[in-house]
Amino acid sequence: MINKIFCFLNRLDIINPAFRDKVDIFWFDVRKLKPFKDMFSRIVSVGEQEKIDKYYFEIDRDRGLACKVMLRFILSDYLGAAPEDIRFGYGEHGKPFALESGETRRINFNLSHAGDIVLTGIARGMEIGVDVETVRDIADTEMLGILSAFGIPEAIELLTVTEPEEKKRLFFKWWTRKEAVAKMRGTGIATMETLEPGTAPALYSGTISSEETQYSYSVAIP
């Protein structure tokens, strides 16, 4: 069964070889996991199931269940434990991590979803933040307003880009990077200071295509 589940995981390459043995990035489409719904419900903890049940819409409950179970499957491969036996701890800002080796070590992870696409980042020995967004049409005024409001200095560059698709690509690249950094630090995006040149963590951005929809993603590590 585990082998069947892993068939639905897609791995994204980290270009920098210095991080290839420390960071793994996966994505999956929750729609393809519906046949496993009954099995998934037996893996989550009681607390996790209670949080899932609070979602009003079934589609949100299904997505929440798939996210939590797939994370457990991924972590089980790193920890050598059954998915249902994975234990979690929480950092200063409430950011969760997976416990290993008698609770003295941990594996850091972060999740993000856009529609039915879920992005999962796993890191050993460092924090990690990921973000994924559906690439969609968005008005110039909205782009500039969002980027300026959250202190993204590149916002002004959008004024010099005339090709609509390139402008859209840059917007979602900058936006996901800001979100990924905030999630790496475990703080809210609204409280983040402007990222000055040379002070930002390592950032990786790219795109995912699934079911004729384009997604933009970013990964942040220290």
N, C-alpha and C. Protein backbone atom coordinates (compact mmCIF):
# COMPACT_ATOMS: atom_id res chain seq x y z
N MET A 1 0.82 -1.21 0.00
CA MET A 1 0.00 0.00 0.00
C MET A 1 0.86 1.27 0.00
N ILE A 2 1.93 1.25 0.80
CA ILE A 2 2.79 2.43 0.86
C ILE A 2 3.39 2.72 -0.51
N ASN A 3 3.80 1.68 -1.22
CA ASN A 3 4.36 1.88 -2.56
C ASN A 3 3.35 2.53 -3.49
N LYS A 4 2.08 2.16 -3.36
CA LYS A 4 1.04 2.77 -4.18
C LYS A 4 0.91 4.25 -3.86
N ILE A 5 0.98 4.58 -2.58
CA ILE A 5 0.85 5.98 -2.16
C ILE A 5 2.00 6.81 -2.72
N PHE A 6 3.21 6.28 -2.64
CA PHE A 6 4.38 7.04 -3.10
C PHE A 6 4.36 7.26 -4.61
N CYS A 7 3.60 6.47 -5.33
CA CYS A 7 3.48 6.67 -6.78
C CYS A 7 2.85 8.01 -7.11
N PHE A 8 2.13 8.59 -6.15
CA PHE A 8 1.45 9.87 -6.40
C PHE A 8 2.30 11.06 -5.98
N LEU A 9 3.49 10.79 -5.46
CA LEU A 9 4.39 11.88 -5.07
C LEU A 9 5.31 12.26 -6.22
N ASN A 10 5.46 13.55 -6.43
CA ASN A 10 6.37 14.07 -7.45
C ASN A 10 7.48 14.84 -6.75
N ARG A 11 8.73 14.53 -7.06
CA ARG A 11 9.86 15.20 -6.44
C ARG A 11 10.36 16.34 -7.32
N LEU A 12 10.66 17.48 -6.68
CA LEU A 12 11.23 18.63 -7.37
C LEU A 12 12.71 18.70 -7.06
N ASP A 13 13.51 19.00 -8.06
CA ASP A 13 14.96 19.06 -7.88
C ASP A 13 15.40 20.36 -7.21
N ILE A 14 16.32 20.23 -6.27
CA ILE A 14 17.01 21.39 -5.68
C ILE A 14 18.29 21.57 -6.48
N ILE A 15 18.42 22.70 -7.14
CA ILE A 15 19.54 22.90 -8.05
C ILE A 15 20.88 22.95 -7.33
N ASN A 16 20.93 23.62 -6.18
CA ASN A 16 22.18 23.76 -5.46
C ASN A 16 22.60 22.42 -4.84
N PRO A 17 23.71 21.84 -5.28
CA PRO A 17 24.13 20.52 -4.77
C PRO A 17 24.42 20.52 -3.28
N ALA A 18 24.68 21.69 -2.68
CA ALA A 18 24.99 21.75 -1.25
C ALA A 18 23.79 21.35 -0.39
N PHE A 19 22.59 21.42 -0.97
CA PHE A 19 21.39 21.13 -0.19
C PHE A 19 20.71 19.82 -0.61
N ARG A 20 21.25 19.13 -1.58
CA ARG A 20 20.55 17.97 -2.12
C ARG A 20 20.42 16.83 -1.12
N ASP A 21 21.33 16.73 -0.18
CA ASP A 21 21.22 15.66 0.81
C ASP A 21 20.58 16.15 2.10
N LYS A 22 20.08 17.39 2.10
CA LYS A 22 19.47 17.96 3.30
C LYS A 22 18.03 18.40 3.10
N VAL A 23 17.66 18.64 1.85
CA VAL A 23 16.33 19.18 1.56
C VAL A 23 15.67 18.37 0.45
N ASP A 24 14.40 18.02 0.67
CA ASP A 24 13.60 17.33 -0.35
C ASP A 24 12.28 18.07 -0.51
N ILE A 25 11.85 18.22 -1.75
CA ILE A 25 10.60 18.91 -2.04
C ILE A 25 9.71 17.98 -2.86
N PHE A 26 8.47 17.82 -2.40
CA PHE A 26 7.51 16.97 -3.09
C PHE A 26 6.21 17.75 -3.37
N TRP A 27 5.48 17.30 -4.37
CA TRP A 27 4.14 17.81 -4.56
C TRP A 27 3.23 16.67 -4.99
N PHE A 28 1.94 16.82 -4.69
CA PHE A 28 0.96 15.82 -5.10
C PHE A 28 -0.39 16.49 -5.31
N ASP A 29 -1.25 15.78 -6.04
CA ASP A 29 -2.60 16.26 -6.35
C ASP A 29 -3.58 15.46 -5.49
N VAL A 30 -4.32 16.13 -4.60
CA VAL A 30 -5.18 15.42 -3.67
C VAL A 30 -6.33 14.69 -4.38
N ARG A 31 -6.68 15.13 -5.57
CA ARG A 31 -7.78 14.48 -6.30
C ARG A 31 -7.45 13.02 -6.62
N LYS A 32 -6.18 12.73 -6.79
CA LYS A 32 -5.77 11.38 -7.15
C LYS A 32 -5.74 10.43 -5.95
N LEU A 33 -5.98 10.98 -4.75
CA LEU A 33 -5.89 10.16 -3.54
C LEU A 33 -7.25 9.77 -2.97
N LYS A 34 -8.33 10.16 -3.65
CA LYS A 34 -9.67 9.85 -3.14
C LYS A 34 -9.92 8.37 -2.90
N PRO A 35 -9.38 7.47 -3.75
CA PRO A 35 -9.62 6.04 -3.50
C PRO A 35 -9.08 5.54 -2.16
N PHE A 36 -8.17 6.31 -1.54
CA PHE A 36 -7.55 5.87 -0.29
C PHE A 36 -8.16 6.54 0.94
N LYS A 37 -9.28 7.25 0.75
CA LYS A 37 -9.86 8.05 1.82
C LYS A 37 -10.17 7.23 3.07
N ASP A 38 -10.77 6.06 2.93
CA ASP A 38 -11.12 5.24 4.09
C ASP A 38 -9.87 4.79 4.83
N MET A 39 -8.84 4.41 4.09
CA MET A 39 -7.60 3.98 4.71
C MET A 39 -6.92 5.15 5.42
N PHE A 40 -6.96 6.34 4.82
CA PHE A 40 -6.33 7.53 5.40
C PHE A 40 -6.94 7.85 6.77
N SER A 41 -8.24 7.68 6.89
CA SER A 41 -8.92 8.06 8.13
C SER A 41 -8.47 7.22 9.32
N ARG A 42 -7.84 6.08 9.07
CA ARG A 42 -7.36 5.22 10.15
C ARG A 42 -5.94 5.57 10.59
N ILE A 43 -5.31 6.52 9.89
CA ILE A 43 -3.91 6.85 10.16
C ILE A 43 -3.75 8.12 11.00
N VAL A 44 -4.62 9.10 10.79
CA VAL A 44 -4.48 10.36 11.53
C VAL A 44 -4.81 10.16 13.00
N SER A 45 -4.27 11.05 13.82
CA SER A 45 -4.55 11.00 15.26
C SER A 45 -5.95 11.55 15.53
N VAL A 46 -6.42 11.34 16.74
CA VAL A 46 -7.74 11.85 17.13
C VAL A 46 -7.77 13.37 17.03
N GLY A 47 -6.69 14.01 17.49
CA GLY A 47 -6.63 15.47 17.42
C GLY A 47 -6.64 15.98 16.00
N GLU A 48 -5.93 15.29 15.11
CA GLU A 48 -5.91 15.69 13.71
C GLU A 48 -7.29 15.54 13.08
N GLN A 49 -7.96 14.43 13.41
CA GLN A 49 -9.30 14.19 12.84
C GLN A 49 -10.29 15.24 13.33
N GLU A 50 -10.16 15.66 14.57
CA GLU A 50 -11.05 16.69 15.11
C GLU A 50 -10.88 18.01 14.36
N LYS A 51 -9.64 18.35 14.03
CA LYS A 51 -9.40 19.58 13.27
C LYS A 51 -9.95 19.46 11.85
N ILE A 52 -9.79 18.29 11.24
CA ILE A 52 -10.30 18.07 9.89
C ILE A 52 -11.81 18.19 9.87
N ASP A 53 -12.48 17.64 10.89
CA ASP A 53 -13.94 17.63 10.94
C ASP A 53 -14.53 19.03 11.08
N LYS A 54 -13.72 20.00 11.46
CA LYS A 54 -14.22 21.36 11.63
C LYS A 54 -14.43 22.08 10.30
N TYR A 55 -13.83 21.55 9.23
CA TYR A 55 -14.04 22.16 7.91
C TYR A 55 -15.50 21.94 7.49
N TYR A 56 -16.11 22.99 6.96
CA TYR A 56 -17.53 22.93 6.60
C TYR A 56 -17.76 22.12 5.33
N PHE A 57 -16.89 22.32 4.32
CA PHE A 57 -17.07 21.66 3.04
C PHE A 57 -16.31 20.34 2.98
N GLU A 58 -16.93 19.35 2.33
CA GLU A 58 -16.30 18.05 2.22
C GLU A 58 -14.97 18.12 1.47
N ILE A 59 -14.89 18.97 0.44
CA ILE A 59 -13.66 19.08 -0.33
C ILE A 59 -12.51 19.55 0.54
N ASP A 60 -12.80 20.43 1.51
CA ASP A 60 -11.76 20.90 2.42
C ASP A 60 -11.38 19.81 3.43
N ARG A 61 -12.37 19.03 3.85
CA ARG A 61 -12.06 17.92 4.76
C ARG A 61 -11.19 16.87 4.06
N ASP A 62 -11.53 16.58 2.81
CA ASP A 62 -10.74 15.61 2.04
C ASP A 62 -9.31 16.11 1.84
N ARG A 63 -9.16 17.40 1.54
CA ARG A 63 -7.83 17.97 1.33
C ARG A 63 -7.03 17.94 2.62
N GLY A 64 -7.68 18.31 3.73
CA GLY A 64 -7.00 18.30 5.02
C GLY A 64 -6.54 16.91 5.41
N LEU A 65 -7.38 15.92 5.17
CA LEU A 65 -7.02 14.53 5.48
C LEU A 65 -5.85 14.08 4.62
N ALA A 66 -5.90 14.36 3.32
CA ALA A 66 -4.82 13.94 2.43
C ALA A 66 -3.50 14.59 2.81
N CYS A 67 -3.55 15.87 3.16
CA CYS A 67 -2.32 16.59 3.54
C CYS A 67 -1.66 15.95 4.75
N LYS A 68 -2.44 15.69 5.78
CA LYS A 68 -1.88 15.16 7.01
C LYS A 68 -1.35 13.73 6.84
N VAL A 69 -2.09 12.92 6.07
CA VAL A 69 -1.66 11.54 5.90
C VAL A 69 -0.45 11.44 4.98
N MET A 70 -0.46 12.20 3.89
CA MET A 70 0.69 12.17 2.99
C MET A 70 1.95 12.65 3.70
N LEU A 71 1.82 13.65 4.55
CA LEU A 71 2.98 14.10 5.33
C LEU A 71 3.49 12.96 6.20
N ARG A 72 2.59 12.23 6.84
CA ARG A 72 2.99 11.10 7.69
C ARG A 72 3.69 10.01 6.86
N PHE A 73 3.19 9.75 5.66
CA PHE A 73 3.83 8.76 4.80
C PHE A 73 5.24 9.20 4.42
N ILE A 74 5.39 10.47 4.07
CA ILE A 74 6.71 10.99 3.69
C ILE A 74 7.67 10.90 4.86
N LEU A 75 7.22 11.36 6.04
CA LEU A 75 8.09 11.34 7.21
C LEU A 75 8.44 9.91 7.64
N SER A 76 7.53 8.97 7.43
CA SER A 76 7.80 7.59 7.82
C SER A 76 9.00 7.03 7.05
N ASP A 77 9.19 7.52 5.83
CA ASP A 77 10.32 7.06 5.02
C ASP A 77 11.64 7.57 5.59
N TYR A 78 11.61 8.74 6.23
CA TYR A 78 12.82 9.30 6.84
C TYR A 78 13.10 8.71 8.23
N LEU A 79 12.02 8.45 8.97
CA LEU A 79 12.17 8.03 10.36
C LEU A 79 12.16 6.52 10.55
N GLY A 80 11.76 5.78 9.53
CA GLY A 80 11.69 4.34 9.67
C GLY A 80 10.61 3.90 10.62
N ALA A 81 9.54 4.68 10.70
CA ALA A 81 8.42 4.37 11.59
C ALA A 81 7.13 4.29 10.78
N ALA A 82 6.14 3.64 11.34
CA ALA A 82 4.84 3.57 10.67
C ALA A 82 4.23 4.97 10.62
N PRO A 83 3.51 5.30 9.57
CA PRO A 83 2.92 6.64 9.45
C PRO A 83 2.11 7.05 10.67
N GLU A 84 1.33 6.12 11.21
CA GLU A 84 0.48 6.46 12.36
C GLU A 84 1.27 6.66 13.65
N ASP A 85 2.55 6.26 13.66
CA ASP A 85 3.37 6.39 14.88
C ASP A 85 4.22 7.66 14.90
N ILE A 86 4.17 8.46 13.84
CA ILE A 86 4.96 9.70 13.80
C ILE A 86 4.48 10.65 14.90
N ARG A 87 5.42 11.21 15.64
CA ARG A 87 5.09 12.15 16.71
C ARG A 87 5.62 13.54 16.36
N PHE A 88 4.93 14.56 16.84
CA PHE A 88 5.27 15.92 16.48
C PHE A 88 5.54 16.78 17.71
N GLY A 89 6.44 17.76 17.51
CA GLY A 89 6.68 18.78 18.51
C GLY A 89 6.39 20.14 17.88
N TYR A 90 6.51 21.20 18.69
CA TYR A 90 6.18 22.53 18.19
C TYR A 90 7.21 23.55 18.63
N GLY A 91 7.59 24.42 17.69
CA GLY A 91 8.60 25.43 17.96
C GLY A 91 8.04 26.65 18.66
N GLU A 92 8.87 27.67 18.75
CA GLU A 92 8.54 28.89 19.49
C GLU A 92 7.26 29.55 18.99
N HIS A 93 7.07 29.57 17.70
CA HIS A 93 5.89 30.22 17.12
C HIS A 93 4.79 29.22 16.76
N GLY A 94 4.87 28.01 17.30
CA GLY A 94 3.86 27.01 17.03
C GLY A 94 4.07 26.22 15.77
N LYS A 95 5.23 26.39 15.13
CA LYS A 95 5.51 25.65 13.90
C LYS A 95 5.86 24.20 14.24
N PRO A 96 5.18 23.23 13.65
CA PRO A 96 5.42 21.82 14.00
C PRO A 96 6.67 21.24 13.36
N PHE A 97 7.18 20.19 13.96
CA PHE A 97 8.29 19.41 13.40
C PHE A 97 8.10 17.97 13.85
N ALA A 98 8.77 17.05 13.16
CA ALA A 98 8.67 15.63 13.50
C ALA A 98 9.78 15.24 14.45
N LEU A 99 9.44 14.47 15.48
CA LEU A 99 10.42 14.04 16.47
C LEU A 99 11.09 12.74 16.06
N GLU A 100 12.36 12.62 16.39
CA GLU A 100 13.10 11.38 16.14
C GLU A 100 14.15 11.20 17.21
N SER A 101 14.66 9.99 17.34
CA SER A 101 15.77 9.66 18.26
C SER A 101 15.49 10.13 19.68
N GLY A 102 14.43 9.61 20.26
CA GLY A 102 14.17 9.91 21.66
C GLY A 102 13.85 11.37 21.93
N GLU A 103 13.27 12.04 20.97
CA GLU A 103 12.82 13.42 21.08
C GLU A 103 13.97 14.41 21.23
N THR A 104 15.19 13.99 20.92
CA THR A 104 16.32 14.92 21.01
C THR A 104 16.67 15.52 19.66
N ARG A 105 16.17 14.92 18.57
CA ARG A 105 16.42 15.44 17.23
C ARG A 105 15.09 15.61 16.51
N ARG A 106 15.13 16.35 15.42
CA ARG A 106 13.88 16.57 14.72
C ARG A 106 14.10 16.73 13.22
N ILE A 107 13.05 16.48 12.49
CA ILE A 107 13.03 16.74 11.06
C ILE A 107 12.04 17.87 10.82
N ASN A 108 12.50 18.91 10.18
CA ASN A 108 11.64 20.05 9.91
C ASN A 108 10.88 19.86 8.61
N PHE A 109 9.69 20.39 8.55
CA PHE A 109 8.88 20.28 7.33
C PHE A 109 7.98 21.50 7.22
N ASN A 110 7.45 21.69 6.04
CA ASN A 110 6.48 22.76 5.82
C ASN A 110 5.59 22.38 4.64
N LEU A 111 4.33 22.76 4.72
CA LEU A 111 3.36 22.45 3.68
C LEU A 111 2.69 23.72 3.18
N SER A 112 2.25 23.65 1.93
CA SER A 112 1.45 24.71 1.35
C SER A 112 0.55 24.09 0.29
N HIS A 113 -0.64 24.64 0.13
CA HIS A 113 -1.51 24.11 -0.92
C HIS A 113 -2.16 25.24 -1.70
N ALA A 114 -2.42 24.96 -2.96
CA ALA A 114 -3.14 25.88 -3.83
C ALA A 114 -4.15 25.03 -4.59
N GLY A 115 -5.42 25.20 -4.28
CA GLY A 115 -6.41 24.34 -4.90
C GLY A 115 -6.17 22.90 -4.48
N ASP A 116 -5.97 22.01 -5.45
CA ASP A 116 -5.77 20.59 -5.15
C ASP A 116 -4.30 20.18 -5.16
N ILE A 117 -3.40 21.14 -5.34
CA ILE A 117 -1.97 20.85 -5.34
C ILE A 117 -1.38 21.14 -3.97
N VAL A 118 -0.63 20.18 -3.43
CA VAL A 118 0.01 20.35 -2.12
C VAL A 118 1.52 20.24 -2.29
N LEU A 119 2.23 21.22 -1.76
CA LEU A 119 3.70 21.25 -1.80
C LEU A 119 4.22 20.94 -0.39
N THR A 120 5.18 20.02 -0.31
CA THR A 120 5.74 19.61 0.98
C THR A 120 7.25 19.71 0.94
N GLY A 121 7.82 20.40 1.92
CA GLY A 121 9.27 20.52 2.02
C GLY A 121 9.77 19.82 3.27
N ILE A 122 10.83 19.03 3.15
CA ILE A 122 11.45 18.31 4.26
C ILE A 122 12.90 18.76 4.38
N ALA A 123 13.34 19.08 5.59
CA ALA A 123 14.72 19.55 5.79
C ALA A 123 15.33 18.91 7.03
N ARG A 124 16.59 18.56 6.92
CA ARG A 124 17.33 17.99 8.04
C ARG A 124 18.38 19.00 8.50
N GLY A 125 18.32 19.36 9.77
CA GLY A 125 19.30 20.26 10.35
C GLY A 125 19.10 21.73 10.03
N MET A 126 17.94 22.10 9.51
CA MET A 126 17.67 23.50 9.20
C MET A 126 16.17 23.71 9.07
N GLU A 127 15.75 24.96 9.21
CA GLU A 127 14.35 25.29 9.00
C GLU A 127 14.03 25.32 7.51
N ILE A 128 12.75 25.27 7.18
CA ILE A 128 12.34 25.33 5.79
C ILE A 128 10.95 25.96 5.70
N GLY A 129 10.72 26.69 4.63
CA GLY A 129 9.40 27.25 4.37
C GLY A 129 9.08 27.08 2.90
N VAL A 130 7.85 26.72 2.57
CA VAL A 130 7.45 26.57 1.18
C VAL A 130 6.13 27.29 0.95
N ASP A 131 5.92 27.71 -0.28
CA ASP A 131 4.64 28.30 -0.64
C ASP A 131 4.34 27.99 -2.10
N VAL A 132 3.08 27.72 -2.41
CA VAL A 132 2.65 27.48 -3.78
C VAL A 132 1.36 28.26 -4.01
N GLU A 133 1.24 28.86 -5.17
CA GLU A 133 0.06 29.64 -5.54
C GLU A 133 -0.36 29.30 -6.95
N THR A 134 -1.66 29.33 -7.20
CA THR A 134 -2.18 29.14 -8.55
C THR A 134 -1.89 30.39 -9.36
N VAL A 135 -1.26 30.22 -10.51
CA VAL A 135 -0.98 31.37 -11.38
C VAL A 135 -2.29 31.75 -12.07
N ARG A 136 -2.72 32.97 -11.86
CA ARG A 136 -3.99 33.44 -12.40
C ARG A 136 -3.84 34.87 -12.91
N ASP A 137 -4.82 35.30 -13.66
CA ASP A 137 -4.82 36.68 -14.12
C ASP A 137 -5.09 37.60 -12.95
N ILE A 138 -4.34 38.69 -12.88
CA ILE A 138 -4.48 39.62 -11.77
C ILE A 138 -4.17 41.03 -12.27
N ALA A 139 -4.96 41.99 -11.86
CA ALA A 139 -4.80 43.36 -12.33
C ALA A 139 -3.51 43.97 -11.82
N ASP A 140 -2.91 44.87 -12.63
CA ASP A 140 -1.66 45.52 -12.24
C ASP A 140 -1.79 46.23 -10.91
N THR A 141 -2.91 46.92 -10.70
CA THR A 141 -3.08 47.67 -9.45
C THR A 141 -3.10 46.74 -8.25
N GLU A 142 -3.69 45.56 -8.41
CA GLU A 142 -3.72 44.60 -7.30
C GLU A 142 -2.33 44.04 -7.04
N MET A 143 -1.59 43.74 -8.13
CA MET A 143 -0.22 43.27 -7.96
C MET A 143 0.61 44.26 -7.16
N LEU A 144 0.62 45.51 -7.60
CA LEU A 144 1.44 46.53 -6.95
C LEU A 144 0.98 46.77 -5.52
N GLY A 145 -0.32 46.73 -5.30
CA GLY A 145 -0.84 46.96 -3.97
C GLY A 145 -0.39 45.89 -2.99
N ILE A 146 -0.45 44.63 -3.43
CA ILE A 146 -0.05 43.51 -2.56
C ILE A 146 1.45 43.56 -2.28
N LEU A 147 2.25 43.71 -3.32
CA LEU A 147 3.70 43.69 -3.14
C LEU A 147 4.17 44.87 -2.30
N SER A 148 3.60 46.03 -2.53
CA SER A 148 4.01 47.22 -1.77
C SER A 148 3.58 47.12 -0.31
N ALA A 149 2.38 46.60 -0.07
CA ALA A 149 1.86 46.52 1.28
C ALA A 149 2.72 45.63 2.17
N PHE A 150 3.33 44.61 1.58
CA PHE A 150 4.13 43.68 2.37
C PHE A 150 5.63 43.86 2.16
N GLY A 151 6.02 45.04 1.73
CA GLY A 151 7.44 45.39 1.70
C GLY A 151 8.28 44.58 0.75
N ILE A 152 7.78 44.33 -0.45
CA ILE A 152 8.58 43.63 -1.46
C ILE A 152 9.14 44.67 -2.41
N PRO A 153 10.42 45.01 -2.28
CA PRO A 153 11.00 46.13 -3.02
C PRO A 153 10.96 45.99 -4.53
N GLU A 154 10.87 44.75 -5.03
CA GLU A 154 10.85 44.57 -6.48
C GLU A 154 9.55 45.02 -7.11
N ALA A 155 8.56 45.41 -6.29
CA ALA A 155 7.25 45.76 -6.83
C ALA A 155 7.34 46.83 -7.89
N ILE A 156 8.22 47.80 -7.69
CA ILE A 156 8.32 48.91 -8.64
C ILE A 156 8.76 48.42 -10.02
N GLU A 157 9.50 47.29 -10.05
CA GLU A 157 9.97 46.76 -11.32
C GLU A 157 8.83 46.30 -12.22
N LEU A 158 7.69 45.99 -11.62
CA LEU A 158 6.55 45.56 -12.41
C LEU A 158 6.11 46.65 -13.39
N LEU A 159 6.38 47.90 -13.01
CA LEU A 159 5.97 49.01 -13.87
C LEU A 159 6.76 49.02 -15.18
N THR A 160 7.92 48.39 -15.18
CA THR A 160 8.76 48.41 -16.39
C THR A 160 8.55 47.17 -17.26
N VAL A 161 7.77 46.21 -16.77
CA VAL A 161 7.50 44.98 -17.52
C VAL A 161 6.22 45.17 -18.32
N THR A 162 6.31 45.00 -19.61
CA THR A 162 5.14 45.25 -20.47
C THR A 162 4.43 43.98 -20.92
N GLU A 163 5.15 42.86 -20.92
CA GLU A 163 4.55 41.60 -21.38
C GLU A 163 3.70 41.00 -20.25
N PRO A 164 2.38 40.86 -20.44
CA PRO A 164 1.49 40.42 -19.37
C PRO A 164 1.88 39.10 -18.71
N GLU A 165 2.26 38.10 -19.50
CA GLU A 165 2.61 36.80 -18.91
C GLU A 165 3.87 36.89 -18.06
N GLU A 166 4.85 37.69 -18.50
CA GLU A 166 6.08 37.85 -17.72
C GLU A 166 5.79 38.61 -16.44
N LYS A 167 4.94 39.60 -16.52
CA LYS A 167 4.56 40.37 -15.33
C LYS A 167 3.88 39.46 -14.31
N LYS A 168 3.00 38.60 -14.79
CA LYS A 168 2.30 37.66 -13.92
C LYS A 168 3.28 36.67 -13.29
N ARG A 169 4.22 36.18 -14.09
CA ARG A 169 5.22 35.23 -13.60
C ARG A 169 6.05 35.84 -12.48
N LEU A 170 6.50 37.08 -12.69
CA LEU A 170 7.32 37.76 -11.68
C LEU A 170 6.53 38.02 -10.40
N PHE A 171 5.29 38.41 -10.57
CA PHE A 171 4.48 38.68 -9.37
C PHE A 171 4.38 37.45 -8.50
N PHE A 172 4.01 36.31 -9.05
CA PHE A 172 3.83 35.11 -8.24
C PHE A 172 5.16 34.57 -7.72
N LYS A 173 6.23 34.80 -8.45
CA LYS A 173 7.54 34.41 -7.95
C LYS A 173 7.88 35.22 -6.69
N TRP A 174 7.71 36.53 -6.75
CA TRP A 174 8.03 37.37 -5.59
C TRP A 174 7.09 37.10 -4.43
N TRP A 175 5.82 36.91 -4.75
CA TRP A 175 4.84 36.68 -3.68
C TRP A 175 5.11 35.36 -2.96
N THR A 176 5.37 34.28 -3.70
CA THR A 176 5.63 32.99 -3.04
C THR A 176 6.94 33.02 -2.26
N ARG A 177 7.90 33.79 -2.73
CA ARG A 177 9.16 33.90 -1.98
C ARG A 177 8.93 34.58 -0.62
N LYS A 178 8.15 35.63 -0.63
CA LYS A 178 7.86 36.32 0.63
C LYS A 178 7.14 35.39 1.60
N GLU A 179 6.16 34.66 1.09
CA GLU A 179 5.41 33.72 1.92
C GLU A 179 6.32 32.61 2.45
N ALA A 180 7.20 32.07 1.59
CA ALA A 180 8.07 30.98 2.00
C ALA A 180 9.02 31.42 3.12
N VAL A 181 9.55 32.63 3.01
CA VAL A 181 10.45 33.14 4.06
C VAL A 181 9.70 33.29 5.38
N ALA A 182 8.48 33.83 5.34
CA ALA A 182 7.69 33.99 6.55
C ALA A 182 7.41 32.64 7.20
N LYS A 183 7.12 31.62 6.37
CA LYS A 183 6.82 30.30 6.90
C LYS A 183 8.07 29.61 7.42
N MET A 184 9.21 29.88 6.80
CA MET A 184 10.47 29.33 7.30
C MET A 184 10.75 29.86 8.70
N ARG A 185 10.50 31.14 8.91
CA ARG A 185 10.77 31.77 10.21
C ARG A 185 9.69 31.49 11.23
N GLY A 186 8.53 31.02 10.75
CA GLY A 186 7.44 30.73 11.67
C GLY A 186 6.68 31.96 12.11
N THR A 187 6.81 33.05 11.36
CA THR A 187 6.13 34.30 11.71
C THR A 187 5.13 34.65 10.62
N GLY A 188 4.20 35.51 10.95
CA GLY A 188 3.21 35.94 9.99
C GLY A 188 3.83 36.86 8.95
N ILE A 189 3.34 36.80 7.72
CA ILE A 189 3.89 37.62 6.65
C ILE A 189 3.70 39.11 6.91
N ALA A 190 2.62 39.46 7.61
CA ALA A 190 2.33 40.87 7.85
C ALA A 190 3.33 41.51 8.81
N THR A 191 4.03 40.68 9.60
CA THR A 191 4.97 41.22 10.58
C THR A 191 6.40 41.24 10.06
N MET A 192 6.62 40.76 8.84
CA MET A 192 7.98 40.68 8.31
C MET A 192 8.48 42.02 7.83
N GLU A 193 9.75 42.25 8.06
CA GLU A 193 10.38 43.45 7.53
C GLU A 193 10.73 43.24 6.06
N THR A 194 11.02 44.31 5.38
CA THR A 194 11.45 44.22 3.99
C THR A 194 12.75 43.43 3.91
N LEU A 195 12.85 42.55 2.95
CA LEU A 195 14.07 41.77 2.76
C LEU A 195 15.06 42.57 1.94
N GLU A 196 16.08 43.06 2.57
CA GLU A 196 17.08 43.84 1.87
C GLU A 196 18.03 42.92 1.11
N PRO A 197 18.63 43.41 0.02
CA PRO A 197 19.57 42.59 -0.74
C PRO A 197 20.69 42.06 0.15
N GLY A 198 20.97 40.78 0.02
CA GLY A 198 22.06 40.18 0.77
C GLY A 198 21.66 39.62 2.11
N THR A 199 20.41 39.90 2.57
CA THR A 199 19.99 39.40 3.89
C THR A 199 19.00 38.25 3.78
N ALA A 200 18.53 37.98 2.58
CA ALA A 200 17.53 36.93 2.41
C ALA A 200 18.16 35.56 2.51
N PRO A 201 17.38 34.56 2.94
CA PRO A 201 17.88 33.18 2.96
C PRO A 201 17.99 32.65 1.53
N ALA A 202 18.43 31.40 1.43
CA ALA A 202 18.49 30.77 0.11
C ALA A 202 17.08 30.54 -0.39
N LEU A 203 16.81 30.94 -1.62
CA LEU A 203 15.47 30.85 -2.18
C LEU A 203 15.50 30.12 -3.52
N TYR A 204 14.53 29.25 -3.71
CA TYR A 204 14.39 28.52 -4.97
C TYR A 204 12.96 28.66 -5.45
N SER A 205 12.78 29.00 -6.70
CA SER A 205 11.44 29.19 -7.24
C SER A 205 11.29 28.42 -8.54
N GLY A 206 10.06 28.06 -8.86
CA GLY A 206 9.80 27.34 -10.09
C GLY A 206 8.31 27.25 -10.34
N THR A 207 7.94 26.44 -11.31
CA THR A 207 6.53 26.26 -11.65
C THR A 207 6.17 24.78 -11.71
N ILE A 208 4.91 24.49 -11.47
CA ILE A 208 4.35 23.15 -11.55
C ILE A 208 3.15 23.21 -12.49
N SER A 209 3.04 22.24 -13.37
CA SER A 209 1.88 22.15 -14.25
C SER A 209 1.11 20.88 -13.93
N SER A 210 -0.20 21.02 -13.72
CA SER A 210 -1.04 19.87 -13.43
C SER A 210 -2.45 20.15 -13.93
N GLU A 211 -2.98 19.23 -14.72
CA GLU A 211 -4.35 19.36 -15.23
C GLU A 211 -4.56 20.72 -15.92
N GLU A 212 -3.59 21.11 -16.74
CA GLU A 212 -3.64 22.34 -17.52
C GLU A 212 -3.65 23.61 -16.67
N THR A 213 -3.31 23.49 -15.41
CA THR A 213 -3.21 24.65 -14.52
C THR A 213 -1.75 24.85 -14.15
N GLN A 214 -1.33 26.11 -14.09
CA GLN A 214 0.05 26.45 -13.76
C GLN A 214 0.12 26.93 -12.31
N TYR A 215 1.13 26.48 -11.61
CA TYR A 215 1.34 26.87 -10.22
C TYR A 215 2.76 27.43 -10.06
N SER A 216 2.89 28.44 -9.22
CA SER A 216 4.20 29.01 -8.91
C SER A 216 4.56 28.63 -7.48
N TYR A 217 5.81 28.23 -7.26
CA TYR A 217 6.21 27.83 -5.91
C TYR A 217 7.57 28.42 -5.56
N SER A 218 7.82 28.53 -4.26
CA SER A 218 9.13 28.94 -3.76
C SER A 218 9.46 28.16 -2.50
N VAL A 219 10.77 27.96 -2.30
CA VAL A 219 11.29 27.27 -1.13
C VAL A 219 12.32 28.17 -0.46
N ALA A 220 12.24 28.32 0.86
CA ALA A 220 13.20 29.14 1.60
C ALA A 220 13.89 28.30 2.66
N ILE A 221 15.21 28.37 2.69
CA ILE A 221 16.02 27.72 3.72
C ILE A 221 17.11 28.71 4.16
N PRO A 222 17.59 28.57 5.37
CA PRO A 222 18.58 29.55 5.88
C PRO A 222 19.85 29.61 5.05
